[in-house]
Protein backbone atom coordinates (compact mmCIF):
# COMPACT_ATOMS: atom_id res chain seq x y z
CA MET A 1 -2.98 179.90 100.73
CA GLU A 2 0.30 179.05 102.63
CA SER A 3 2.19 181.57 100.49
CA ILE A 4 -0.07 184.33 101.65
CA PHE A 5 1.09 186.41 104.52
CA HIS A 6 -1.57 186.66 107.23
CA GLU A 7 -0.89 188.09 110.70
CA LYS A 8 -3.43 187.13 113.37
CA GLN A 9 -4.78 189.37 115.99
CA GLU A 10 -2.57 190.04 119.05
CA GLY A 11 -3.97 192.47 121.61
CA SER A 12 -5.23 195.62 119.83
CA LEU A 13 -2.55 195.86 117.18
CA CYS A 14 -5.00 195.51 114.25
CA ALA A 15 -3.52 198.66 112.60
CA GLN A 16 -0.11 196.87 112.41
CA HIS A 17 -1.71 193.67 111.17
CA CYS A 18 -3.73 195.60 108.59
CA LEU A 19 -0.76 197.29 107.14
CA ASN A 20 1.54 194.16 107.20
CA ASN A 21 -1.26 191.89 105.53
CA LEU A 22 -1.66 194.80 102.85
CA LEU A 23 2.04 194.94 102.17
CA GLN A 24 2.44 191.14 102.44
CA GLY A 25 5.29 191.20 105.05
CA GLU A 26 6.41 192.32 108.45
CA TYR A 27 7.02 195.97 107.44
CA PHE A 28 5.74 197.76 110.58
CA SER A 29 6.15 197.10 114.31
CA PRO A 30 4.25 198.85 117.14
CA VAL A 31 7.47 200.85 117.90
CA GLU A 32 7.58 202.21 114.39
CA LEU A 33 3.86 203.16 114.32
CA SER A 34 4.21 204.74 117.84
CA SER A 35 6.98 206.89 116.60
CA ILE A 36 4.73 208.13 113.73
CA ALA A 37 1.93 208.62 116.12
CA HIS A 38 4.26 210.87 118.43
CA GLN A 39 5.48 212.84 115.35
CA LEU A 40 1.69 213.50 114.47
CA ASP A 41 0.99 214.63 118.01
CA GLU A 42 3.98 216.96 118.11
CA GLU A 43 2.80 218.56 114.71
CA GLU A 44 -0.62 219.01 116.10
CA ARG A 45 0.89 220.72 119.36
CA MET A 46 2.92 223.10 117.23
CA ARG A 47 -0.10 224.14 115.29
CA MET A 48 -2.02 224.67 118.48
CA ALA A 49 0.90 226.64 119.93
CA GLU A 50 0.48 229.20 117.06
CA GLY A 51 -2.61 230.65 118.83
CA GLY A 52 -0.61 231.13 121.92
CA VAL A 53 0.75 228.81 124.51
CA THR A 54 -1.22 230.55 127.24
CA SER A 55 -4.52 230.22 125.37
CA GLU A 56 -7.29 227.98 126.88
CA ASP A 57 -7.35 225.93 123.87
CA TYR A 58 -3.68 225.08 124.06
CA ARG A 59 -3.87 224.15 127.70
CA THR A 60 -6.91 221.99 127.02
CA PHE A 61 -5.02 220.24 124.18
CA LEU A 62 -2.04 219.47 126.43
CA GLN A 63 -4.38 217.81 128.90
CA GLN A 64 -6.05 215.60 126.49
CA PRO A 65 -4.65 212.10 125.61
CA SER A 66 -3.29 211.51 122.18
CA GLY A 67 -5.84 210.98 119.42
CA ASN A 68 -3.33 209.09 117.33
CA MET A 69 -2.63 206.23 119.56
CA ASP A 70 -3.51 204.80 123.08
CA ASP A 71 -2.04 202.18 125.43
CA SER A 72 -4.02 199.32 123.95
CA GLY A 73 -2.28 199.53 120.66
CA PHE A 74 -4.86 201.43 118.67
CA PHE A 75 -3.63 203.84 115.88
CA SER A 76 -5.51 206.45 113.95
CA ILE A 77 -6.26 206.70 110.27
CA GLN A 78 -3.53 209.48 110.26
CA VAL A 79 -0.97 207.07 111.48
CA ILE A 80 -1.92 204.51 108.92
CA SER A 81 -1.88 207.10 106.14
CA ASN A 82 1.44 208.46 107.03
CA ALA A 83 2.93 204.95 107.18
CA LEU A 84 1.60 204.11 103.66
CA LYS A 85 3.15 207.37 102.31
CA VAL A 86 6.56 205.94 102.96
CA TRP A 87 5.68 203.42 100.11
CA GLY A 88 4.17 205.97 97.87
CA LEU A 89 0.60 204.78 98.68
CA GLU A 90 -2.52 207.08 99.35
CA LEU A 91 -5.78 206.32 100.91
CA ILE A 92 -9.11 207.76 99.35
CA LEU A 93 -12.49 207.33 100.96
CA PHE A 94 -14.59 204.76 99.05
CA ASN A 95 -17.90 206.31 99.53
CA SER A 96 -16.66 209.92 98.93
CA PRO A 97 -18.51 211.87 96.31
CA GLU A 98 -15.15 212.44 94.35
CA TYR A 99 -14.58 208.74 94.26
CA GLN A 100 -18.08 207.88 93.51
CA ARG A 101 -18.12 210.12 90.46
CA LEU A 102 -15.31 208.10 88.97
CA ARG A 103 -17.65 205.01 88.80
CA ILE A 104 -14.85 202.45 89.14
CA ASP A 105 -15.69 198.82 89.58
CA PRO A 106 -14.27 197.54 92.68
CA ILE A 107 -12.72 194.55 90.98
CA ASN A 108 -10.55 196.90 89.07
CA GLU A 109 -8.88 198.28 92.20
CA ARG A 110 -5.95 196.45 93.96
CA SER A 111 -6.78 196.84 97.62
CA PHE A 112 -9.01 198.22 100.34
CA ILE A 113 -8.64 199.14 104.10
CA CYS A 114 -11.72 198.82 106.27
CA ASN A 115 -12.21 200.28 109.65
CA TYR A 116 -15.03 200.10 112.24
CA LYS A 117 -14.48 201.83 115.52
CA GLU A 118 -11.07 200.68 116.53
CA HIS A 119 -10.63 197.67 114.10
CA TRP A 120 -8.80 197.71 110.88
CA PHE A 121 -8.33 195.06 108.33
CA THR A 122 -7.22 194.66 104.62
CA VAL A 123 -9.02 193.28 101.66
CA ARG A 124 -6.49 192.75 98.83
CA LYS A 125 -6.28 191.23 95.28
CA LEU A 126 -3.44 188.73 94.96
CA GLY A 127 -2.82 187.31 91.56
CA LYS A 128 -6.35 187.30 90.02
CA GLN A 129 -8.30 186.65 93.25
CA TRP A 130 -9.59 188.66 96.07
CA PHE A 131 -8.84 187.79 99.67
CA ASN A 132 -10.24 189.06 103.07
CA LEU A 133 -7.04 189.34 105.25
CA ASN A 134 -8.95 190.26 108.43
CA SER A 135 -6.58 189.52 111.48
CA LEU A 136 -9.56 188.23 113.40
CA LEU A 137 -9.92 185.23 111.14
CA THR A 138 -7.89 182.00 111.40
CA GLY A 139 -6.63 182.42 107.74
CA PRO A 140 -7.34 184.35 104.55
CA GLU A 141 -10.79 184.17 103.12
CA LEU A 142 -11.31 183.87 99.48
CA ILE A 143 -13.77 186.43 97.93
CA SER A 144 -15.15 185.88 94.45
CA ASP A 145 -15.24 188.88 91.86
CA THR A 146 -19.02 188.64 91.92
CA TYR A 147 -19.23 188.74 95.68
CA LEU A 148 -16.56 191.68 96.23
CA ALA A 149 -19.21 194.40 95.57
CA LEU A 150 -21.75 192.91 97.86
CA PHE A 151 -19.18 192.31 100.48
CA LEU A 152 -18.09 195.93 100.59
CA ALA A 153 -21.75 197.09 100.31
CA GLN A 154 -22.47 194.89 103.41
CA LEU A 155 -19.49 196.45 105.30
CA GLN A 156 -20.91 199.86 104.60
CA GLN A 157 -24.22 199.01 105.89
CA GLU A 158 -22.66 197.53 109.16
CA GLY A 159 -21.02 200.98 109.64
CA TYR A 160 -17.63 200.37 108.35
CA SER A 161 -15.51 203.24 106.60
CA ILE A 162 -13.78 201.89 103.51
CA PHE A 163 -10.56 203.41 101.90
CA VAL A 164 -9.25 202.56 98.49
CA VAL A 165 -5.50 202.11 98.38
CA LYS A 166 -4.02 203.95 95.40
CA GLY A 167 -0.50 203.32 94.09
CA ASP A 168 1.79 200.38 93.42
CA LEU A 169 2.05 197.89 96.12
CA PRO A 170 5.43 196.16 96.77
CA ASP A 171 5.97 192.89 95.07
CA CYS A 172 5.33 189.83 96.96
CA GLU A 173 5.53 185.96 96.39
CA ALA A 174 1.86 185.40 96.92
CA ASP A 175 0.93 187.79 94.09
CA GLN A 176 3.46 186.25 91.75
CA LEU A 177 2.43 182.57 92.47
CA LEU A 178 -1.31 183.44 92.26
CA GLN A 179 -0.83 185.11 88.83
CA MET A 180 -0.07 181.61 87.42
CA ILE A 181 -2.71 179.53 89.39
CA ARG A 182 -6.10 179.95 91.00
CA VAL A 183 -6.86 178.55 94.41
CA GLN A 184 -10.12 177.02 95.71
CA GLN A 185 -11.18 177.20 99.34
CA MET A 186 -13.27 174.23 100.57
CA HIS A 187 -13.98 175.58 104.22
CA ARG A 188 -14.17 179.23 105.02
CA PRO A 189 -11.95 180.34 107.94
CA LYS A 190 -13.56 180.90 111.37
CA LEU A 191 -13.24 183.82 113.60
CA ILE A 192 -10.40 183.35 116.14
CA GLY A 193 -12.99 183.73 119.01
CA GLU A 194 -15.12 180.94 117.54
CA GLU A 195 -12.14 178.63 117.20
CA LEU A 196 -11.01 179.35 120.73
CA ALA A 197 -14.56 178.69 122.01
CA GLN A 198 -14.66 175.38 120.11
CA LEU A 199 -11.28 174.30 121.49
CA LYS A 200 -12.35 175.37 124.94
CA GLU A 201 -15.52 173.24 124.59
CA GLN A 202 -13.40 170.23 123.48
CA ARG A 203 -11.09 170.64 126.40
CA VAL A 204 -14.06 170.75 128.84
CA GLN A 205 -15.56 167.56 127.33
CA LYS A 206 -12.23 165.97 127.52
CA THR A 207 -11.86 166.91 131.16
CA ASP A 208 -15.33 165.63 131.89
CA LEU A 209 -14.49 162.31 130.21
CA GLU A 210 -11.34 162.00 132.17
CA ARG A 211 -13.14 162.76 135.30
CA VAL A 212 -15.63 159.91 134.53
CA LEU A 213 -12.80 157.47 134.06
CA GLU A 214 -11.04 158.68 137.07
CA VAL A 215 -14.16 157.99 139.28
CA ASN A 216 -14.11 154.54 137.73
CA ASP A 217 -10.46 154.06 138.64
CA GLY A 218 -9.44 154.67 135.10
CA THR A 219 -10.67 151.34 133.88
CA GLY A 220 -13.70 152.46 131.95
CA MET A 221 -15.85 150.09 134.08
CA LEU A 222 -19.26 149.40 133.06
CA ASP A 223 -22.16 150.72 135.24
CA GLU A 224 -24.14 148.43 137.39
CA ASP A 225 -26.93 147.86 134.76
CA GLU A 226 -24.47 146.84 132.03
CA GLU A 227 -22.56 144.55 134.43
CA ASP A 228 -25.95 142.90 135.47
CA LEU A 229 -26.73 142.37 131.82
CA GLN A 230 -23.28 140.90 131.05
CA ARG A 231 -23.60 138.47 134.02
CA ALA A 232 -27.12 137.36 132.93
CA LEU A 233 -25.73 136.75 129.37
CA ALA A 234 -22.90 134.71 130.66
CA LEU A 235 -25.07 132.54 132.94
CA SER A 236 -27.47 131.96 129.99
CA ARG A 237 -24.72 130.82 127.63
CA GLN A 238 -23.36 128.65 130.50
CA GLU A 239 -26.79 127.07 131.00
CA ILE A 240 -27.16 126.35 127.30
CA ASP A 241 -23.86 124.81 127.08
CA MET A 242 -24.54 122.49 130.00
CA GLU A 243 -27.86 121.53 128.48
CA ASP A 244 -26.18 120.78 125.20
CA GLU A 245 -23.48 118.64 126.78
CA GLU A 246 -26.34 116.63 128.83
CA ALA A 247 -28.18 116.13 125.53
CA ASP A 248 -25.10 114.94 123.81
CA LEU A 249 -24.28 112.46 126.53
CA ARG A 250 -27.78 111.02 126.65
CA ARG A 251 -27.77 110.53 122.97
CA ALA A 252 -24.32 108.83 123.28
CA ILE A 253 -25.64 106.58 125.93
CA GLN A 254 -28.70 105.65 123.91
CA LEU A 255 -26.56 104.94 120.74
CA SER A 256 -24.12 102.86 122.90
CA MET A 257 -26.95 100.69 124.33
CA GLN A 258 -28.57 100.35 120.94
CA GLY A 259 -25.22 99.05 119.49
CA THR A 260 -24.74 96.55 122.49
CA SER A 261 -28.12 95.23 122.01
CA ARG A 262 -27.48 94.61 118.47
CA ASN A 263 -24.15 92.77 119.09
CA ARG A 264 -25.92 90.63 121.87
CA CYS A 265 -28.60 89.71 119.54
CA GLN A 266 -26.21 88.71 116.88
CA ASP A 267 -24.45 86.46 119.37
CA ILE A 268 -27.59 84.64 120.30
CA PRO A 269 -28.60 81.75 117.83
CA GLN A 270 -31.95 82.21 116.18
CA THR A 271 -34.36 79.51 117.25
CA SER A 272 -37.90 78.93 116.47
CA GLY A 273 -40.57 79.50 119.02
CA SER A 274 -41.57 82.29 121.23
CA HIS A 275 -38.07 83.99 121.55
CA PRO A 276 -38.22 87.62 120.45
CA THR A 277 -36.45 89.05 117.55
CA SER A 278 -33.47 91.50 117.71
CA GLU A 279 -35.72 94.28 116.58
CA GLU A 280 -38.13 93.57 119.40
CA LEU A 281 -35.48 93.51 121.99
CA ARG A 282 -34.06 96.80 120.70
CA LYS A 283 -37.44 98.47 120.96
CA ARG A 284 -37.98 97.10 124.48
CA ARG A 285 -34.63 98.46 125.64
CA GLU A 286 -35.36 101.95 124.14
CA ALA A 287 -38.70 101.93 125.97
CA TYR A 288 -37.02 100.83 128.98
CA PHE A 289 -34.15 103.46 128.74
CA GLU A 290 -36.70 106.31 128.39
CA LYS A 291 -38.69 105.04 131.39
CA GLN A 292 -35.59 104.82 133.49
CA GLN A 293 -34.57 108.44 132.55
CA GLN A 294 -37.93 109.69 133.85
CA GLN A 295 -37.76 107.61 137.11
CA GLN A 296 -34.08 108.44 137.75
CA GLN A 297 -34.68 112.04 138.84
CA GLN A 298 -36.68 110.54 141.86
CA ALA A 299 -34.45 107.64 142.52
CA PRO A 300 -32.59 107.63 146.10
CA PRO A 301 -28.94 107.99 146.21
CA GLY A 302 -28.39 104.58 147.65
CA GLN A 303 -29.66 102.85 144.69
CA LEU A 304 -26.69 103.95 142.72
CA THR A 305 -24.22 102.48 145.11
CA HIS A 306 -26.14 99.11 145.19
CA LEU A 307 -26.26 98.93 141.51
CA CYS A 308 -22.67 99.87 140.95
CA GLU A 309 -21.58 97.08 143.53
CA LYS A 310 -23.74 94.53 141.62
CA LEU A 311 -22.22 95.65 138.38
CA SER A 312 -18.62 95.39 139.70
CA THR A 313 -19.25 91.96 141.18
CA SER A 314 -20.70 90.61 138.05
CA SER A 315 -17.88 92.00 135.92
CA GLU A 316 -15.24 90.28 138.09
CA ALA A 317 -16.65 86.77 137.96
CA PRO A 318 -14.41 84.57 135.76
CA ASP A 319 -15.77 82.99 132.72
CA SER A 320 -19.36 83.72 133.65
CA ASP A 321 -22.11 84.76 131.64
CA LEU A 322 -23.24 88.36 132.44
CA GLY A 323 -26.96 87.29 132.39
CA ASP A 324 -26.29 84.65 135.17
CA SER A 325 -25.33 87.18 137.83
CA MET A 326 -27.10 90.31 136.80
CA SER A 327 -30.13 90.67 134.61
CA GLU A 328 -29.91 92.75 131.44
CA GLU A 329 -32.29 95.34 132.92
CA ASP A 330 -30.19 95.74 135.97
CA MET A 331 -27.07 96.27 134.00
CA LEU A 332 -28.79 98.83 131.80
CA GLN A 333 -30.22 100.66 134.81
CA ALA A 334 -26.76 100.75 136.42
CA ALA A 335 -25.12 102.23 133.26
CA VAL A 336 -27.87 104.95 132.99
CA THR A 337 -27.60 105.79 136.68
CA MET A 338 -23.82 106.13 136.45
CA SER A 339 -24.00 108.33 133.38
CA LEU A 340 -26.62 110.74 134.88
CA GLU A 341 -24.54 111.04 138.12
CA THR A 342 -21.60 112.03 136.12
CA VAL A 343 -23.65 114.58 134.35
CA ARG A 344 -24.90 116.02 137.65
CA SER A 345 -21.35 116.29 139.09
CA ASN A 346 -20.25 118.14 136.02
CA LEU A 347 -23.19 120.54 136.31
CA LYS A 348 -22.45 121.21 139.91
CA THR A 349 -18.83 121.93 139.16
CA GLU A 350 -19.78 124.35 136.24
CA GLY A 351 -22.25 126.05 138.63
CA LYS A 352 -19.45 126.70 141.10
CA LYS A 353 -17.28 128.22 138.46
């Protein structure tokens, strides 16, 4: 497709685009077509003058604008026909009785020029395939052989005049290349107006997005609902983490107390009588530990200080047995209380963060 010459619409210069797309090159400019139009106007004026320059028809003709061109860039079929004569090409009306009697299959022709009101475009065969070279399209449109006749019939129903181009077209690179290969078109080209509308819509959407980001100071901040949700999730994760740490700490204390009780029981000589076994002592301590955990939440703050001082005094006594100055239950209660106070302190610190 890249080798195919395709001029896109500029202003109302569709006649120029039609001719150049047909000949596959920049063969005509607006200046050259205007020159042909002025020449045709002069020929018409001279014919009208033959009836007398003072006649009413002649004066009316001079007052009328040119029928071969206008300021917008439109050129008549006469201008296009005269331009093609330079290359030995001739235009024949496709639906004329003379041409229809020939019963020529459209796929056996080489090119067509189509006109509706003030728009002109070319349909041409390049290599072995047909292409719609309408300047209003974003690119050449591939037309299959089976669809060509239907395409031309549809144009006629829409009011188009179709002309068959007779004669040998100048050689071009696209025709030579497409004689050797066939192309496939995955996506049909759009009308230039549709493409511009789509680009405009994309620019509007982009502008709206930039405006939203600008309102949010360009940071893409979340709205209030999303921020609230994020904060709730963060607090939930924080609470779960603190609960997990507290549970791990309690399990560690319990395991530590169980290990201490076993060691102490191993150090006490086994005697007969009413002394409890190590297993019984361990169960008692576990029961006591669970009871102290339940009561600790309601314990006054001063109790912790008293127990800590008692524990400190007992631990500083030289060569004394722990059980002499502080009972085993008091020691256990002091350890649990200190551990739970440490947990509360950590939780308060995390809450402030």
